[in-house]
Amino acid sequence: MFRLTEKENKLLISQFAISNNRGGHRKRPYVFTEQGVAMLSGVLRSRRAITVNIAIMRAFVQLREYLSIHKDMAKKLQDLERKYETHDVKIKAVFDAIRQLMSPPKRKKYMVGF
C-alpha cells in the first residue's frame, strides 16, 4: 500500500469527476499494488471481501493485457517506421525522374548563317 503523489491525485480527481476541495478537505488516497491486494485477501475473510478481491484481481489482469497489447502495437509501429523511413527519399527520386521525362527536351538552337 502506498499514497498517491499530488500529480497522480489530480489525475484521479479529474478522471472520476470528484469534487474539488470546496466539498471538504481531501487527502491523497492510499492505493494497493496487485501484490498488496493478494496479500490483503489472505487477511480479510468475509464473502464481500472475497468478491471485491476477485473483481480487483480481474481488473489488474485486464490492465496488464491492455498494456501488453499496446506494447506490441508500439513495437510493430516502430518496426514499420524503420522499414519505410527510406521510402520518402526513394519516392521523391521517382517523382523527380517522372518530371524530367514529362518535360520536353531542350533543343539546341542552331545559328543560321556564318
Protein backbone atom coordinates (compact mmCIF):
# COMPACT_ATOMS: atom_id res chain seq x y z
CA MET A 1 0.00 0.00 0.00
CA PHE A 2 1.28 3.49 -0.82
CA ARG A 3 -0.02 7.04 -1.09
CA LEU A 4 -0.56 8.73 -4.45
CA THR A 5 1.57 11.74 -5.41
CA GLU A 6 -0.07 15.15 -5.90
CA LYS A 7 0.12 14.77 -9.68
CA GLU A 8 -1.48 11.30 -9.59
CA ASN A 9 -4.16 12.58 -7.21
CA LYS A 10 -5.05 15.46 -9.55
CA LEU A 11 -5.29 12.99 -12.43
CA LEU A 12 -7.53 10.76 -10.36
CA ILE A 13 -9.80 13.65 -9.39
CA SER A 14 -10.15 14.82 -12.98
CA GLN A 15 -10.87 11.30 -14.28
CA PHE A 16 -13.60 10.45 -11.79
CA ALA A 17 -15.18 13.90 -11.57
CA ILE A 18 -14.58 14.08 -7.83
CA SER A 19 -15.44 17.50 -6.49
CA ASN A 20 -12.56 19.84 -5.88
CA ASN A 21 -11.59 20.92 -2.36
CA ARG A 22 -14.77 23.02 -1.95
CA GLY A 23 -16.61 19.96 -0.71
CA GLY A 24 -14.18 19.42 2.15
CA HIS A 25 -10.52 18.74 2.64
CA ARG A 26 -9.34 15.81 0.56
CA LYS A 27 -6.21 13.89 1.41
CA ARG A 28 -4.23 11.89 -1.06
CA PRO A 29 -5.62 8.35 -1.01
CA TYR A 30 -3.75 5.18 -0.28
CA VAL A 31 -3.69 2.62 -3.07
CA PHE A 32 -2.69 -1.02 -3.38
CA THR A 33 -0.48 -2.80 -5.84
CA GLU A 34 -1.62 -6.10 -7.29
CA GLN A 35 0.51 -7.98 -4.76
CA GLY A 36 -0.95 -5.86 -1.97
CA VAL A 37 -4.47 -6.85 -2.95
CA ALA A 38 -3.43 -10.51 -2.99
CA MET A 39 -1.91 -10.22 0.49
CA LEU A 40 -4.97 -8.37 1.77
CA SER A 41 -7.19 -11.20 0.60
CA GLY A 42 -5.30 -13.52 2.93
CA VAL A 43 -6.33 -11.35 5.90
CA LEU A 44 -9.91 -10.47 5.03
CA ARG A 45 -12.26 -13.45 5.10
CA SER A 46 -15.77 -12.07 4.56
CA ARG A 47 -17.82 -13.02 1.50
CA ARG A 48 -17.88 -9.40 0.29
CA ALA A 49 -14.09 -9.01 0.73
CA ILE A 50 -13.51 -12.12 -1.37
CA THR A 51 -15.87 -10.88 -4.12
CA VAL A 52 -14.23 -7.45 -4.22
CA ASN A 53 -10.78 -9.03 -4.24
CA ILE A 54 -11.66 -11.19 -7.24
CA ALA A 55 -13.01 -8.14 -9.11
CA ILE A 56 -9.85 -6.16 -8.36
CA MET A 57 -7.57 -9.01 -9.45
CA ARG A 58 -9.52 -9.29 -12.73
CA ALA A 59 -9.10 -5.57 -13.26
CA PHE A 60 -5.33 -5.93 -12.81
CA VAL A 61 -5.27 -8.81 -15.32
CA GLN A 62 -7.22 -6.73 -17.87
CA LEU A 63 -4.90 -3.78 -17.31
CA ARG A 64 -1.86 -6.00 -17.87
CA GLU A 65 -3.38 -7.39 -21.09
CA TYR A 66 -4.23 -3.87 -22.28
CA LEU A 67 -0.68 -2.69 -21.67
CA SER A 68 0.85 -5.70 -23.41
CA ILE A 69 -1.34 -5.16 -26.47
CA HIS A 70 -0.24 -1.55 -26.69
CA LYS A 71 3.41 -2.53 -26.24
CA ASP A 72 3.07 -4.95 -29.13
CA MET A 73 1.37 -2.32 -31.28
CA ALA A 74 4.03 0.27 -30.43
CA LYS A 75 6.79 -2.18 -31.34
CA LYS A 76 5.09 -3.04 -34.65
CA LEU A 77 4.68 0.64 -35.46
CA GLN A 78 8.32 1.29 -34.67
CA ASP A 79 9.36 -1.63 -36.89
CA LEU A 80 7.23 -0.25 -39.74
CA GLU A 81 8.73 3.22 -39.32
CA ARG A 82 12.23 1.75 -39.51
CA LYS A 83 11.31 -0.34 -42.54
CA TYR A 84 9.77 2.52 -44.51
CA GLU A 85 11.81 5.53 -43.38
CA THR A 86 13.89 5.50 -46.59
CA HIS A 87 10.81 5.32 -48.80
CA ASP A 88 10.21 9.08 -48.73
CA VAL A 89 13.58 9.72 -50.32
CA LYS A 90 13.04 6.99 -52.90
CA ILE A 91 9.52 8.22 -53.77
CA LYS A 92 10.86 11.77 -54.22
CA ALA A 93 13.51 10.43 -56.58
CA VAL A 94 10.83 8.61 -58.62
CA PHE A 95 8.73 11.79 -58.90
CA ASP A 96 11.78 13.81 -59.95
CA ALA A 97 12.56 11.25 -62.66
CA ILE A 98 8.94 11.35 -63.89
CA ARG A 99 9.03 15.16 -64.04
CA GLN A 100 12.20 15.03 -66.09
CA LEU A 101 10.61 12.57 -68.51
CA MET A 102 7.48 14.73 -68.81
CA SER A 103 9.27 17.96 -69.63
CA PRO A 104 10.10 18.38 -73.30
CA PRO A 105 13.78 18.01 -74.13
CA LYS A 106 15.68 21.22 -74.64
CA ARG A 107 16.72 21.62 -78.25
CA LYS A 108 19.89 23.23 -79.27
CA LYS A 109 19.37 26.34 -81.30
CA TYR A 110 21.39 26.30 -84.46
CA MET A 111 22.80 29.53 -85.72
CA VAL A 112 21.72 30.41 -89.22
CA GLY A 113 24.40 31.92 -91.31
CA PHE A 114 28.04 32.48 -90.69
